[in-house]
Amino acid sequence: MQVHAIMKNVPMSAQKMREMVRQIQGLPALQAQAVLKVVSRKSARLVAKTLDSAIANAENNNKVKPETLRVKEAVAGTATSLKRFTPKARGSAGPIIKRRCHIKITVSDE
């Protein structure tokens, strides 16, 4: 049984998020939680929150034990970026791109 959780429009670039997501892919769910708890990065906290949600979905909706779950797929993709501008020399403007991402984690008991 595959269960997933998605966190959308996270205010962080997908490139930074992928570093954490790649570390937990293929691990047992409880071990992945332990790995994310040790890492002191904002991206680790957000991925851990999404992983907790996926585990809770599996427990409550499908009556699956968390000890049997594995992280089958963990993906961080780009979302819509916010475009802002900052003043530059001679009255011109320079772009600021505030990147966002989506996190999708799929856990499976197979």
N, C-alpha and C. Protein backbone atom coordinates (compact mmCIF):
# COMPACT_ATOMS: atom_id res chain seq x y z
N MET A 1 0.83 -1.18 0.00
CA MET A 1 0.00 0.00 0.00
C MET A 1 0.88 1.24 0.00
N GLN A 2 0.70 2.10 -0.97
CA GLN A 2 1.47 3.34 -1.05
C GLN A 2 0.64 4.50 -0.52
N VAL A 3 1.27 5.30 0.32
CA VAL A 3 0.62 6.47 0.89
C VAL A 3 1.57 7.64 0.70
N HIS A 4 1.02 8.82 0.37
CA HIS A 4 1.91 9.96 0.18
C HIS A 4 1.40 11.18 0.92
N ALA A 5 2.32 12.13 1.09
CA ALA A 5 2.01 13.43 1.68
C ALA A 5 2.73 14.49 0.85
N ILE A 6 2.07 15.62 0.65
CA ILE A 6 2.62 16.70 -0.16
C ILE A 6 2.58 17.99 0.64
N MET A 7 3.69 18.70 0.66
CA MET A 7 3.74 20.04 1.24
C MET A 7 4.02 21.00 0.09
N LYS A 8 3.14 21.95 -0.11
CA LYS A 8 3.25 22.85 -1.26
C LYS A 8 3.71 24.24 -0.87
N ASN A 9 4.36 24.90 -1.81
CA ASN A 9 4.81 26.29 -1.69
C ASN A 9 5.65 26.54 -0.45
N VAL A 10 6.66 25.70 -0.27
CA VAL A 10 7.61 25.87 0.83
C VAL A 10 8.59 26.97 0.44
N PRO A 11 8.81 27.97 1.29
CA PRO A 11 9.67 29.10 0.90
C PRO A 11 11.16 28.77 0.96
N MET A 12 11.59 27.89 0.08
CA MET A 12 13.00 27.51 -0.03
C MET A 12 13.22 26.95 -1.44
N SER A 13 14.40 27.10 -1.96
CA SER A 13 14.66 26.61 -3.32
C SER A 13 14.68 25.09 -3.34
N ALA A 14 14.27 24.54 -4.45
CA ALA A 14 14.22 23.08 -4.60
C ALA A 14 15.61 22.47 -4.54
N GLN A 15 16.61 23.22 -4.97
CA GLN A 15 17.98 22.72 -4.96
C GLN A 15 18.45 22.44 -3.53
N LYS A 16 18.14 23.33 -2.60
CA LYS A 16 18.51 23.13 -1.19
C LYS A 16 17.71 21.98 -0.58
N MET A 17 16.45 21.87 -1.01
CA MET A 17 15.58 20.83 -0.45
C MET A 17 16.00 19.44 -0.94
N ARG A 18 16.46 19.34 -2.18
CA ARG A 18 16.84 18.03 -2.74
C ARG A 18 17.98 17.38 -1.98
N GLU A 19 18.87 18.18 -1.38
CA GLU A 19 19.97 17.62 -0.60
C GLU A 19 19.45 16.74 0.54
N MET A 20 18.38 17.19 1.21
CA MET A 20 17.82 16.42 2.32
C MET A 20 16.98 15.26 1.81
N VAL A 21 16.24 15.49 0.76
CA VAL A 21 15.32 14.48 0.24
C VAL A 21 16.08 13.25 -0.27
N ARG A 22 17.23 13.48 -0.88
CA ARG A 22 18.03 12.37 -1.41
C ARG A 22 18.60 11.50 -0.29
N GLN A 23 18.82 12.08 0.89
CA GLN A 23 19.40 11.31 2.00
C GLN A 23 18.44 10.28 2.57
N ILE A 24 17.13 10.54 2.47
CA ILE A 24 16.18 9.62 3.12
C ILE A 24 15.55 8.64 2.15
N GLN A 25 15.77 8.82 0.86
CA GLN A 25 15.11 7.96 -0.13
C GLN A 25 15.58 6.51 0.02
N GLY A 26 14.62 5.59 0.15
CA GLY A 26 14.93 4.17 0.26
C GLY A 26 15.13 3.67 1.68
N LEU A 27 15.18 4.57 2.65
CA LEU A 27 15.38 4.17 4.05
C LEU A 27 14.05 3.72 4.68
N PRO A 28 14.12 2.91 5.73
CA PRO A 28 12.90 2.66 6.52
C PRO A 28 12.42 3.98 7.13
N ALA A 29 11.13 4.13 7.27
CA ALA A 29 10.54 5.41 7.67
C ALA A 29 11.05 5.89 9.03
N LEU A 30 11.15 4.99 9.99
CA LEU A 30 11.60 5.40 11.32
C LEU A 30 13.08 5.79 11.33
N GLN A 31 13.87 5.12 10.52
CA GLN A 31 15.28 5.48 10.40
C GLN A 31 15.43 6.84 9.70
N ALA A 32 14.59 7.09 8.71
CA ALA A 32 14.61 8.39 8.02
C ALA A 32 14.25 9.51 8.98
N GLN A 33 13.29 9.27 9.87
CA GLN A 33 12.95 10.27 10.88
C GLN A 33 14.14 10.56 11.79
N ALA A 34 14.87 9.53 12.17
CA ALA A 34 16.03 9.71 13.04
C ALA A 34 17.13 10.51 12.33
N VAL A 35 17.32 10.23 11.05
CA VAL A 35 18.34 10.97 10.28
C VAL A 35 17.97 12.45 10.20
N LEU A 36 16.71 12.74 9.92
CA LEU A 36 16.28 14.13 9.78
C LEU A 36 16.31 14.87 11.11
N LYS A 37 16.12 14.16 12.22
CA LYS A 37 16.14 14.80 13.53
C LYS A 37 17.54 15.28 13.89
N VAL A 38 18.57 14.58 13.40
CA VAL A 38 19.95 14.91 13.74
C VAL A 38 20.46 16.12 12.94
N VAL A 39 20.00 16.26 11.70
CA VAL A 39 20.50 17.31 10.82
C VAL A 39 19.93 18.66 11.25
N SER A 40 20.78 19.68 11.35
CA SER A 40 20.34 20.99 11.81
C SER A 40 20.22 21.96 10.63
N ARG A 41 19.26 21.69 9.76
CA ARG A 41 18.98 22.58 8.63
C ARG A 41 17.48 22.82 8.55
N LYS A 42 17.10 23.96 8.02
CA LYS A 42 15.69 24.28 7.86
C LYS A 42 15.02 23.26 6.94
N SER A 43 15.71 22.87 5.89
CA SER A 43 15.14 21.91 4.95
C SER A 43 14.87 20.56 5.62
N ALA A 44 15.70 20.16 6.57
CA ALA A 44 15.49 18.90 7.28
C ALA A 44 14.23 18.96 8.12
N ARG A 45 13.96 20.10 8.75
CA ARG A 45 12.74 20.25 9.55
C ARG A 45 11.50 20.14 8.67
N LEU A 46 11.53 20.76 7.49
CA LEU A 46 10.37 20.74 6.60
C LEU A 46 10.14 19.36 6.00
N VAL A 47 11.22 18.67 5.65
CA VAL A 47 11.09 17.31 5.11
C VAL A 47 10.60 16.37 6.21
N ALA A 48 11.06 16.57 7.45
CA ALA A 48 10.62 15.74 8.56
C ALA A 48 9.13 15.92 8.82
N LYS A 49 8.66 17.14 8.69
CA LYS A 49 7.24 17.43 8.88
C LYS A 49 6.39 16.71 7.83
N THR A 50 6.87 16.71 6.60
CA THR A 50 6.15 16.02 5.52
C THR A 50 6.20 14.51 5.72
N LEU A 51 7.34 13.99 6.15
CA LEU A 51 7.47 12.55 6.41
C LEU A 51 6.55 12.12 7.55
N ASP A 52 6.47 12.92 8.60
CA ASP A 52 5.56 12.62 9.71
C ASP A 52 4.11 12.57 9.22
N SER A 53 3.76 13.47 8.33
CA SER A 53 2.41 13.49 7.77
C SER A 53 2.13 12.23 6.96
N ALA A 54 3.10 11.79 6.17
CA ALA A 54 2.92 10.58 5.35
C ALA A 54 2.76 9.35 6.25
N ILE A 55 3.54 9.27 7.31
CA ILE A 55 3.44 8.14 8.24
C ILE A 55 2.08 8.16 8.95
N ALA A 56 1.64 9.34 9.37
CA ALA A 56 0.34 9.46 10.03
C ALA A 56 -0.80 9.10 9.08
N ASN A 57 -0.68 9.47 7.80
CA ASN A 57 -1.69 9.09 6.81
C ASN A 57 -1.77 7.57 6.69
N ALA A 58 -0.62 6.91 6.67
CA ALA A 58 -0.61 5.46 6.55
C ALA A 58 -1.22 4.79 7.78
N GLU A 59 -0.90 5.33 8.96
CA GLU A 59 -1.42 4.75 10.20
C GLU A 59 -2.94 4.93 10.31
N ASN A 60 -3.41 6.15 10.11
CA ASN A 60 -4.81 6.46 10.37
C ASN A 60 -5.75 6.01 9.25
N ASN A 61 -5.33 6.17 8.00
CA ASN A 61 -6.22 5.87 6.88
C ASN A 61 -6.18 4.41 6.47
N ASN A 62 -5.01 3.76 6.57
CA ASN A 62 -4.86 2.40 6.05
C ASN A 62 -4.49 1.37 7.12
N LYS A 63 -4.39 1.80 8.37
CA LYS A 63 -4.08 0.89 9.49
C LYS A 63 -2.79 0.11 9.26
N VAL A 64 -1.73 0.82 8.86
CA VAL A 64 -0.42 0.21 8.61
C VAL A 64 0.50 0.58 9.77
N LYS A 65 1.29 -0.38 10.23
CA LYS A 65 2.25 -0.13 11.31
C LYS A 65 3.42 0.69 10.78
N PRO A 66 3.88 1.70 11.51
CA PRO A 66 5.00 2.52 11.03
C PRO A 66 6.31 1.76 10.92
N GLU A 67 6.46 0.65 11.67
CA GLU A 67 7.70 -0.14 11.61
C GLU A 67 7.87 -0.81 10.26
N THR A 68 6.78 -1.04 9.53
CA THR A 68 6.87 -1.75 8.24
C THR A 68 7.04 -0.80 7.07
N LEU A 69 6.98 0.51 7.30
CA LEU A 69 7.01 1.47 6.20
C LEU A 69 8.43 1.79 5.74
N ARG A 70 8.58 2.01 4.43
CA ARG A 70 9.82 2.47 3.82
C ARG A 70 9.53 3.72 3.00
N VAL A 71 10.51 4.60 2.89
CA VAL A 71 10.37 5.78 2.03
C VAL A 71 10.63 5.32 0.60
N LYS A 72 9.57 5.17 -0.16
CA LYS A 72 9.72 4.68 -1.53
C LYS A 72 10.17 5.79 -2.47
N GLU A 73 9.59 6.98 -2.30
CA GLU A 73 9.92 8.08 -3.19
C GLU A 73 9.91 9.37 -2.39
N ALA A 74 10.89 10.21 -2.61
CA ALA A 74 10.94 11.53 -1.98
C ALA A 74 11.43 12.51 -3.04
N VAL A 75 10.59 13.49 -3.36
CA VAL A 75 10.87 14.40 -4.46
C VAL A 75 10.68 15.84 -4.01
N ALA A 76 11.55 16.72 -4.45
CA ALA A 76 11.39 18.16 -4.25
C ALA A 76 11.40 18.82 -5.62
N GLY A 77 10.29 19.41 -5.99
CA GLY A 77 10.17 20.06 -7.30
C GLY A 77 9.94 21.55 -7.15
N THR A 78 10.19 22.27 -8.21
CA THR A 78 10.04 23.72 -8.16
C THR A 78 8.57 24.12 -8.19
N ALA A 79 8.27 25.24 -7.54
CA ALA A 79 6.94 25.82 -7.54
C ALA A 79 7.04 27.21 -8.15
N THR A 80 5.96 27.94 -8.12
CA THR A 80 5.95 29.29 -8.68
C THR A 80 6.85 30.20 -7.86
N SER A 81 7.72 30.95 -8.53
CA SER A 81 8.63 31.86 -7.84
C SER A 81 7.99 33.24 -7.71
N LEU A 82 8.30 33.91 -6.61
CA LEU A 82 7.86 35.29 -6.43
C LEU A 82 8.91 36.21 -7.03
N LYS A 83 8.47 37.15 -7.84
CA LYS A 83 9.40 38.06 -8.48
C LYS A 83 9.26 39.44 -7.86
N ARG A 84 10.36 39.93 -7.31
CA ARG A 84 10.41 41.24 -6.68
C ARG A 84 11.55 42.04 -7.32
N PHE A 85 11.59 43.34 -7.04
CA PHE A 85 12.63 44.19 -7.61
C PHE A 85 13.24 45.06 -6.52
N THR A 86 14.54 45.32 -6.68
CA THR A 86 15.26 46.18 -5.76
C THR A 86 15.88 47.34 -6.54
N PRO A 87 15.94 48.53 -5.95
CA PRO A 87 16.51 49.66 -6.68
C PRO A 87 18.01 49.49 -6.92
N LYS A 88 18.43 49.92 -8.09
CA LYS A 88 19.85 49.88 -8.47
C LYS A 88 20.29 51.29 -8.88
N ALA A 89 21.51 51.38 -9.37
CA ALA A 89 22.08 52.67 -9.73
C ALA A 89 21.36 53.29 -10.93
N ARG A 90 21.34 54.62 -10.96
CA ARG A 90 20.78 55.41 -12.06
C ARG A 90 19.29 55.13 -12.30
N GLY A 91 18.57 54.84 -11.24
CA GLY A 91 17.13 54.68 -11.36
C GLY A 91 16.65 53.37 -11.96
N SER A 92 17.55 52.43 -12.14
CA SER A 92 17.12 51.15 -12.71
C SER A 92 16.72 50.19 -11.58
N ALA A 93 16.24 49.02 -11.95
CA ALA A 93 15.79 48.04 -10.96
C ALA A 93 16.46 46.70 -11.23
N GLY A 94 16.77 45.99 -10.17
CA GLY A 94 17.36 44.66 -10.30
C GLY A 94 16.39 43.62 -9.77
N PRO A 95 16.31 42.46 -10.44
CA PRO A 95 15.33 41.44 -10.01
C PRO A 95 15.77 40.67 -8.77
N ILE A 96 14.79 40.30 -7.96
CA ILE A 96 14.98 39.37 -6.84
C ILE A 96 13.98 38.25 -7.08
N ILE A 97 14.47 37.01 -7.14
CA ILE A 97 13.58 35.87 -7.36
C ILE A 97 13.54 35.06 -6.07
N LYS A 98 12.37 35.02 -5.45
CA LYS A 98 12.18 34.26 -4.21
C LYS A 98 11.61 32.90 -4.60
N ARG A 99 12.46 31.89 -4.55
CA ARG A 99 12.07 30.57 -5.04
C ARG A 99 11.27 29.79 -4.01
N ARG A 100 10.40 28.93 -4.51
CA ARG A 100 9.57 28.07 -3.68
C ARG A 100 9.61 26.66 -4.23
N CYS A 101 9.19 25.69 -3.43
CA CYS A 101 9.21 24.31 -3.90
C CYS A 101 8.06 23.51 -3.30
N HIS A 102 7.81 22.35 -3.90
CA HIS A 102 6.85 21.38 -3.40
C HIS A 102 7.63 20.15 -2.94
N ILE A 103 7.22 19.55 -1.82
CA ILE A 103 7.85 18.31 -1.34
C ILE A 103 6.80 17.21 -1.40
N LYS A 104 7.16 16.07 -2.03
CA LYS A 104 6.26 14.93 -2.06
C LYS A 104 7.01 13.71 -1.55
N ILE A 105 6.44 13.06 -0.54
CA ILE A 105 7.05 11.87 0.04
C ILE A 105 6.04 10.73 -0.03
N THR A 106 6.47 9.60 -0.62
CA THR A 106 5.64 8.41 -0.72
C THR A 106 6.24 7.32 0.15
N VAL A 107 5.43 6.77 1.05
CA VAL A 107 5.87 5.64 1.87
C VAL A 107 5.08 4.40 1.48
N SER A 108 5.73 3.26 1.60
CA SER A 108 5.11 2.01 1.18
C SER A 108 5.46 0.91 2.18
N ASP A 109 4.55 -0.05 2.34
CA ASP A 109 4.84 -1.18 3.24
C ASP A 109 5.27 -2.41 2.48
N GLU A 110 5.59 -2.28 1.22
CA GLU A 110 6.00 -3.42 0.38
C GLU A 110 7.50 -3.60 0.44
